[in-house]
Protein backbone atom coordinates (compact mmCIF):
# COMPACT_ATOMS: atom_id res chain seq x y z
CA MET A 1 57.09 -13.85 54.78
CA THR A 2 57.80 -11.70 57.84
CA PRO A 3 58.07 -13.34 61.30
CA HIS A 4 54.97 -11.41 62.48
CA LEU A 5 52.90 -12.60 59.53
CA ARG A 6 54.16 -16.17 59.99
CA ALA A 7 53.21 -16.08 63.67
CA PHE A 8 49.80 -14.63 62.82
CA LEU A 9 49.04 -17.39 60.31
CA ALA A 10 50.25 -20.06 62.74
CA ASP A 11 48.02 -18.80 65.57
CA ARG A 12 45.58 -21.62 66.44
CA THR A 13 42.81 -19.09 67.14
CA VAL A 14 43.25 -17.22 63.86
CA ARG A 15 43.78 -20.23 61.61
CA PRO A 16 40.19 -21.57 61.63
CA PHE A 17 38.90 -18.17 60.51
CA ILE A 18 41.44 -18.15 57.67
CA LEU A 19 40.19 -21.64 56.79
CA LEU A 20 36.60 -20.35 56.92
CA ALA A 21 37.45 -17.55 54.48
CA LEU A 22 39.24 -19.95 52.12
CA ILE A 23 36.28 -22.36 52.16
CA ALA A 24 33.85 -19.53 51.41
CA ILE A 25 36.02 -18.27 48.55
CA MET A 26 36.50 -21.74 47.07
CA LEU A 27 32.79 -22.58 47.23
CA GLY A 28 31.93 -19.17 45.80
CA ILE A 29 34.22 -19.82 42.84
CA ILE A 30 32.71 -23.28 42.29
CA ASP A 31 29.24 -21.75 42.52
CA GLY A 32 30.16 -19.54 39.59
CA GLY A 33 28.48 -16.40 40.85
CA ARG A 34 25.00 -17.90 40.99
CA GLY A 35 24.57 -16.64 44.54
CA GLN A 36 23.63 -20.02 46.03
CA VAL A 37 26.61 -20.16 48.40
CA LEU A 38 27.29 -16.52 49.34
CA SER A 39 23.74 -15.61 50.28
CA ALA A 40 21.71 -14.75 53.38
CA SER A 41 19.93 -18.09 53.28
CA THR A 42 23.25 -19.96 53.32
CA ALA A 43 24.53 -17.74 56.14
CA TYR A 44 21.37 -18.59 58.12
CA ASP A 45 21.89 -22.29 57.47
CA VAL A 46 25.52 -22.03 58.56
CA LEU A 47 24.55 -20.40 61.85
CA GLN A 48 21.80 -22.98 62.42
CA GLN A 49 24.41 -25.72 62.06
CA PHE A 50 26.64 -23.66 64.34
CA ALA A 51 23.83 -23.72 66.91
CA THR A 52 23.65 -27.53 66.67
CA ILE A 53 27.34 -28.42 66.59
CA GLY A 54 28.74 -25.46 68.55
CA PRO A 55 27.70 -26.32 72.15
CA VAL A 56 28.86 -29.92 71.64
CA ALA A 57 32.19 -28.81 70.18
CA LEU A 58 32.65 -26.27 72.99
CA GLY A 59 32.08 -28.86 75.72
CA LEU A 60 34.26 -31.42 73.96
CA GLY A 61 36.97 -28.82 73.22
CA LEU A 62 37.18 -27.68 76.84
CA SER A 63 37.67 -31.27 77.97
CA MET A 64 40.40 -31.70 75.34
CA MET A 65 42.13 -28.58 76.63
CA VAL A 66 42.64 -30.31 80.00
CA ARG A 67 43.89 -33.42 78.16
CA GLU A 68 40.65 -35.39 78.55
CA PHE A 69 37.98 -36.39 76.05
CA ASP A 70 34.26 -36.11 76.82
CA LEU A 71 32.63 -38.76 74.64
CA SER A 72 29.38 -38.42 76.58
CA VAL A 73 28.35 -35.17 74.88
CA GLY A 74 26.38 -37.10 72.24
CA GLY A 75 24.36 -38.91 74.89
CA ILE A 76 23.85 -35.77 76.99
CA LEU A 77 22.57 -33.87 73.91
CA SER A 78 19.96 -36.56 73.27
CA LEU A 79 18.94 -36.93 76.90
CA ALA A 80 18.66 -33.17 77.45
CA GLY A 81 16.50 -32.83 74.34
CA CYS A 82 14.13 -35.52 75.55
CA VAL A 83 13.96 -34.07 79.05
CA ALA A 84 13.29 -30.55 77.73
CA VAL A 85 10.39 -31.70 75.53
CA MET A 86 8.86 -33.91 78.23
CA THR A 87 9.03 -31.27 80.99
CA GLY A 88 8.62 -28.08 78.97
CA GLU A 89 5.18 -28.45 77.43
CA THR A 90 3.61 -25.98 79.84
CA ASN A 91 6.67 -23.92 80.59
CA PRO A 92 9.47 -24.18 77.97
CA ALA A 93 11.89 -22.16 80.09
CA LEU A 94 11.41 -24.55 82.98
CA GLY A 95 11.90 -27.51 80.66
CA LEU A 96 15.18 -26.04 79.39
CA LEU A 97 16.29 -25.40 82.99
CA VAL A 98 15.54 -29.02 83.96
CA ALA A 99 17.42 -30.27 80.88
CA THR A 100 20.39 -28.03 81.71
CA THR A 101 20.41 -29.31 85.28
CA VAL A 102 20.40 -32.91 84.02
CA GLY A 103 23.38 -32.10 81.79
CA GLY A 104 25.29 -30.50 84.64
CA LEU A 105 24.60 -33.42 86.97
CA ALA A 106 25.72 -35.85 84.23
CA GLY A 107 29.01 -33.99 83.92
CA LEU A 108 29.37 -33.80 87.71
CA ALA A 109 28.84 -37.57 88.11
CA GLN A 110 31.40 -38.43 85.45
CA GLY A 111 33.96 -35.93 86.72
CA ALA A 112 33.58 -37.22 90.28
CA ILE A 113 33.99 -40.85 89.22
CA MET A 114 37.09 -39.99 87.18
CA THR A 115 38.82 -38.03 89.94
CA TRP A 116 37.87 -40.15 92.94
CA LEU A 117 38.82 -43.41 91.27
CA ASN A 118 41.63 -41.99 89.12
CA LEU A 119 40.09 -43.32 85.92
CA ASN A 120 40.71 -42.33 82.31
CA SER A 121 38.04 -40.08 80.80
CA ILE A 122 37.68 -42.22 77.68
CA GLY A 123 36.30 -45.22 79.54
CA VAL A 124 34.11 -43.20 81.87
CA THR A 125 32.59 -40.98 79.22
CA LEU A 126 32.10 -43.86 76.80
CA GLY A 127 30.02 -45.44 79.54
CA GLY A 128 28.25 -42.10 79.93
CA LEU A 129 27.54 -41.91 76.22
CA LEU A 130 25.90 -45.34 76.26
CA THR A 131 24.07 -44.69 79.54
CA PHE A 132 22.62 -41.31 78.61
CA GLY A 133 21.76 -42.48 75.12
CA GLY A 134 20.03 -45.54 76.62
CA LEU A 135 18.07 -43.30 79.01
CA SER A 136 16.92 -41.25 76.03
CA TYR A 137 15.55 -44.35 74.34
CA PHE A 138 13.94 -45.43 77.63
CA LEU A 139 12.23 -42.10 78.25
CA THR A 140 10.84 -41.93 74.73
CA GLY A 141 10.03 -45.63 74.46
CA ASN A 142 12.14 -45.66 71.31
CA ASN A 143 9.56 -43.39 69.69
CA THR A 144 9.46 -39.77 68.58
CA ILE A 145 7.63 -37.62 71.11
CA ALA A 146 6.00 -34.53 69.65
CA PHE A 147 6.47 -31.13 71.24
CA GLU A 148 3.06 -29.50 70.94
CA ARG A 149 4.29 -25.93 71.46
CA LEU A 150 4.68 -25.08 67.80
CA ASP A 151 4.88 -21.39 68.72
CA VAL A 152 8.06 -22.11 70.64
CA ALA A 153 9.45 -24.29 67.83
CA LEU A 154 8.90 -21.45 65.36
CA ALA A 155 10.26 -18.82 67.74
CA VAL A 156 13.62 -20.53 68.40
CA ASN A 157 14.25 -20.93 64.66
CA ALA A 158 12.71 -17.68 63.40
CA PRO A 159 15.22 -15.59 61.39
CA LEU A 160 16.51 -12.49 63.21
CA LEU A 161 18.27 -9.92 61.02
CA GLU A 162 17.92 -12.55 58.22
CA ILE A 163 20.80 -14.78 59.36
CA PHE A 164 20.45 -15.26 63.14
CA SER A 165 17.97 -17.13 65.35
CA VAL A 166 17.42 -17.63 69.07
CA ARG A 167 19.32 -20.91 68.83
CA SER A 168 22.34 -19.44 67.03
CA LEU A 169 22.46 -16.37 69.27
CA THR A 170 22.40 -18.63 72.34
CA ALA A 171 25.32 -20.64 70.95
CA ILE A 172 27.23 -17.42 70.22
CA PHE A 173 26.55 -16.23 73.77
CA LEU A 174 27.96 -19.49 75.19
CA PHE A 175 31.16 -19.05 73.16
CA LEU A 176 31.50 -15.39 74.23
CA VAL A 177 31.19 -16.33 77.90
CA ALA A 178 33.68 -19.19 77.50
CA THR A 179 36.10 -16.87 75.66
CA VAL A 180 35.99 -14.30 78.49
CA VAL A 181 36.42 -16.96 81.17
CA VAL A 182 39.31 -18.79 79.49
CA SER A 183 41.16 -15.68 78.30
CA TRP A 184 40.75 -13.26 81.19
CA THR A 185 40.11 -15.15 84.42
CA ARG A 186 42.22 -17.21 86.79
CA PHE A 187 40.00 -20.21 86.06
CA GLY A 188 41.01 -20.03 82.41
CA ARG A 189 44.72 -19.75 83.24
CA ASP A 190 44.46 -22.68 85.62
CA LEU A 191 42.59 -24.71 83.02
CA LEU A 192 45.37 -24.26 80.47
CA ALA A 193 48.02 -24.97 83.10
CA VAL A 194 46.34 -28.25 84.03
CA GLY A 195 46.15 -29.24 80.38
CA SER A 196 49.74 -28.29 79.66
CA ASP A 197 51.41 -30.13 82.55
CA ARG A 198 49.20 -31.80 85.15
CA ARG A 199 52.10 -32.80 87.40
CA ALA A 200 53.46 -29.27 87.48
CA ALA A 201 49.93 -28.00 88.21
CA ILE A 202 49.72 -30.32 91.23
CA VAL A 203 53.14 -29.21 92.44
CA VAL A 204 52.19 -25.51 92.44
CA GLY A 205 48.99 -26.28 94.31
CA LEU A 206 46.31 -26.02 91.68
CA GLY A 207 43.09 -27.93 92.43
CA VAL A 208 43.41 -30.34 89.50
CA ASN A 209 40.54 -32.60 90.55
CA SER A 210 38.21 -29.64 91.09
CA MET A 211 39.21 -28.26 87.72
CA LEU A 212 38.47 -31.53 85.92
CA ILE A 213 35.06 -31.84 87.59
CA ALA A 214 34.23 -28.21 86.75
CA VAL A 215 35.17 -28.72 83.09
CA PHE A 216 32.92 -31.78 82.76
CA VAL A 217 30.04 -29.93 84.46
CA ILE A 218 30.47 -27.00 82.04
CA SER A 219 30.61 -29.45 79.12
CA GLY A 220 27.38 -31.08 80.26
CA VAL A 221 25.64 -27.71 80.75
CA CYS A 222 26.64 -26.33 77.33
CA THR A 223 25.65 -29.53 75.55
CA ALA A 224 22.33 -29.73 77.40
CA ILE A 225 21.39 -26.14 76.47
CA GLY A 226 22.12 -26.92 72.83
CA GLY A 227 20.16 -30.19 72.99
CA GLY A 228 17.13 -28.64 74.65
CA LEU A 229 16.87 -25.81 72.13
CA LEU A 230 17.47 -28.22 69.24
CA SER A 231 14.58 -30.44 70.32
CA TYR A 232 12.36 -27.37 70.77
CA GLY A 233 13.30 -26.30 67.25
CA LEU A 234 12.53 -29.77 65.86
CA ALA A 235 9.25 -29.83 67.82
CA ALA A 236 10.08 -33.38 68.85
CA ALA A 237 12.17 -35.52 71.17
CA SER A 238 13.97 -38.22 69.23
CA PRO A 239 17.30 -39.78 70.33
CA VAL A 240 17.96 -40.93 66.77
CA ALA A 241 17.68 -37.40 65.34
CA LEU A 242 20.24 -36.02 67.80
CA ALA A 243 22.72 -38.88 67.83
CA ASP A 244 24.98 -37.70 64.97
CA THR A 245 26.77 -34.84 66.71
CA LEU A 246 29.84 -36.31 68.39
CA VAL A 247 31.97 -36.69 65.27
CA PRO A 248 31.18 -33.22 63.85
CA GLY A 249 31.80 -31.73 67.30
CA ALA A 250 35.20 -33.40 67.57
CA ALA A 251 36.08 -32.41 64.02
CA ALA A 252 35.14 -28.78 64.65
CA ALA A 253 37.22 -28.67 67.87
CA ILE A 254 40.29 -30.03 66.04
CA LEU A 255 39.78 -27.58 63.17
CA GLY A 256 39.52 -24.89 65.83
CA GLY A 257 43.07 -25.57 67.02
CA VAL A 258 42.41 -27.74 70.07
CA SER A 259 44.96 -30.48 70.63
CA LEU A 260 44.44 -33.89 72.23
CA SER A 261 47.75 -33.32 73.99
CA GLY A 262 46.05 -30.64 76.09
CA GLY A 263 46.86 -27.04 76.96
CA LYS A 264 46.23 -25.73 73.46
CA GLY A 265 43.24 -24.02 71.90
CA ARG A 266 40.75 -21.31 72.78
CA PRO A 267 36.91 -21.12 72.70
CA LEU A 268 37.14 -18.48 69.98
CA GLY A 269 39.22 -20.88 67.86
CA ILE A 270 36.64 -23.64 68.45
CA ALA A 271 33.92 -21.25 67.26
CA GLY A 272 35.95 -20.64 64.12
CA GLY A 273 36.30 -24.37 63.59
CA VAL A 274 32.55 -24.88 63.95
CA LEU A 275 31.87 -22.07 61.48
CA ALA A 276 34.38 -23.49 59.01
CA LEU A 277 32.83 -26.96 59.23
CA SER A 278 29.30 -25.55 58.99
CA MET A 279 30.26 -23.39 56.00
CA LEU A 280 31.79 -26.41 54.28
CA ARG A 281 28.67 -28.55 54.82
CA SER A 282 26.17 -25.83 53.92
CA GLY A 283 28.14 -24.72 50.90
CA LEU A 284 28.49 -28.25 49.55
CA THR A 285 24.77 -28.74 49.98
CA ALA A 286 24.05 -25.46 48.19
CA ILE A 287 26.08 -26.48 45.12
CA GLY A 288 24.46 -29.90 45.01
CA VAL A 289 27.20 -32.17 46.37
CA PRO A 290 25.68 -35.43 47.72
CA PRO A 291 25.72 -35.87 51.53
CA PHE A 292 28.14 -38.84 51.51
CA ALA A 293 30.77 -36.63 49.84
CA HIS A 294 30.59 -34.14 52.72
CA TRP A 295 32.37 -36.63 55.00
CA ILE A 296 35.07 -37.27 52.41
CA VAL A 297 35.79 -33.56 51.94
CA THR A 298 35.69 -32.96 55.71
CA ALA A 299 38.13 -35.84 56.21
CA GLY A 300 40.48 -34.27 53.66
CA VAL A 301 40.41 -30.95 55.51
CA LEU A 302 41.07 -32.69 58.84
CA PHE A 303 43.99 -34.62 57.37
CA ALA A 304 45.46 -31.37 56.05
CA VAL A 305 45.10 -29.64 59.42
CA GLY A 306 46.54 -32.67 61.25
CA ILE A 307 49.55 -32.77 58.94
CA LEU A 308 50.19 -29.04 59.36
CA ASP A 309 50.05 -29.49 63.15
CA SER A 310 52.65 -32.25 63.08
CA GLU A 311 55.71 -31.39 65.16
CA GLU A 312 57.76 -33.79 63.07
CA LEU A 313 56.78 -31.91 59.91
CA SER A 314 57.82 -28.64 61.51
CA ARG A 315 61.15 -30.14 62.49
CA ARG A 316 61.79 -31.48 58.99
CA VAL A 317 60.85 -28.18 57.35
CA HIS A 318 63.14 -26.34 59.73
CA SER A 319 65.96 -28.75 58.92
CA ILE A 320 65.47 -28.26 55.17
CA ARG A 321 65.48 -24.47 55.55
CA TYR A 322 68.68 -24.67 57.59
CA VAL A 323 70.41 -26.80 54.94
CA VAL A 324 69.22 -24.57 52.10
CA SER A 325 70.21 -21.33 53.85
CA PHE A 326 73.53 -22.62 55.24
CA PRO A 327 76.30 -20.66 53.55
CA LYS A 328 78.48 -22.69 51.22
CA THR A 329 82.27 -22.50 51.71
């Protein structure tokens, strides 16, 4: 294997798309050419899952890139969905705007508490997860609230070009904007610098606290947009229905090459991780694998990625190669 090819395969942005292709090929082989996996309907389902998990994974991944962890995304998703349905009956666009504002304010409050009091993000955002989830139950009275605008519900999920929808195109747009910002702006460079070495970032004069607050605001906004559109698509506000997103979002971010150690990963890689996870789940469903097995298979993929990312494994492999290639005298 040439050094260029080795570097290409090791790229954290490229790797999730290679994983996506391998999953599609594997499931296609298992399907036996029946066309249940590699079809337009499966592609549509994959992108619908991308629309659900993607904004959460993006917000969570950005926080991981600055060496933090935004556990509150699950609560914000539920709260934003409830707010959108409850305020958007007459004007859905206004309801989505209100929900997005709530998500941004939630991120702002958590970021401010973390930076002003020098607190760890895990504790603060765990409190946020419980608080925002509790508010969702309070607003709905622990009941499902119907969204009467069925025209809007149908519109946000209606197939466009067979495989897209308003929800999936919105999620794609969020990832494109994030990719441009992180890859080609000073904000993106500063974000990665803060995640790589926070002390060095402070020494060179970067506004670390401002960066952390901005990241949590962006995380809240992205998650809220996804939650609002998801509730519109479901034609209902139900905290229970939106609660199971944190774990898939974290899994997708890790598959996408983001590291908990910070400073690593790109939005495009996170998008690839979401697509790989969505393809795995949709494909397994298409071939009739029971839902409980999805988690087992996903766990296996995560273990494999985690092992491949191990620095100790890389060191040991390098040592073995050195011993094998060392000339004998």
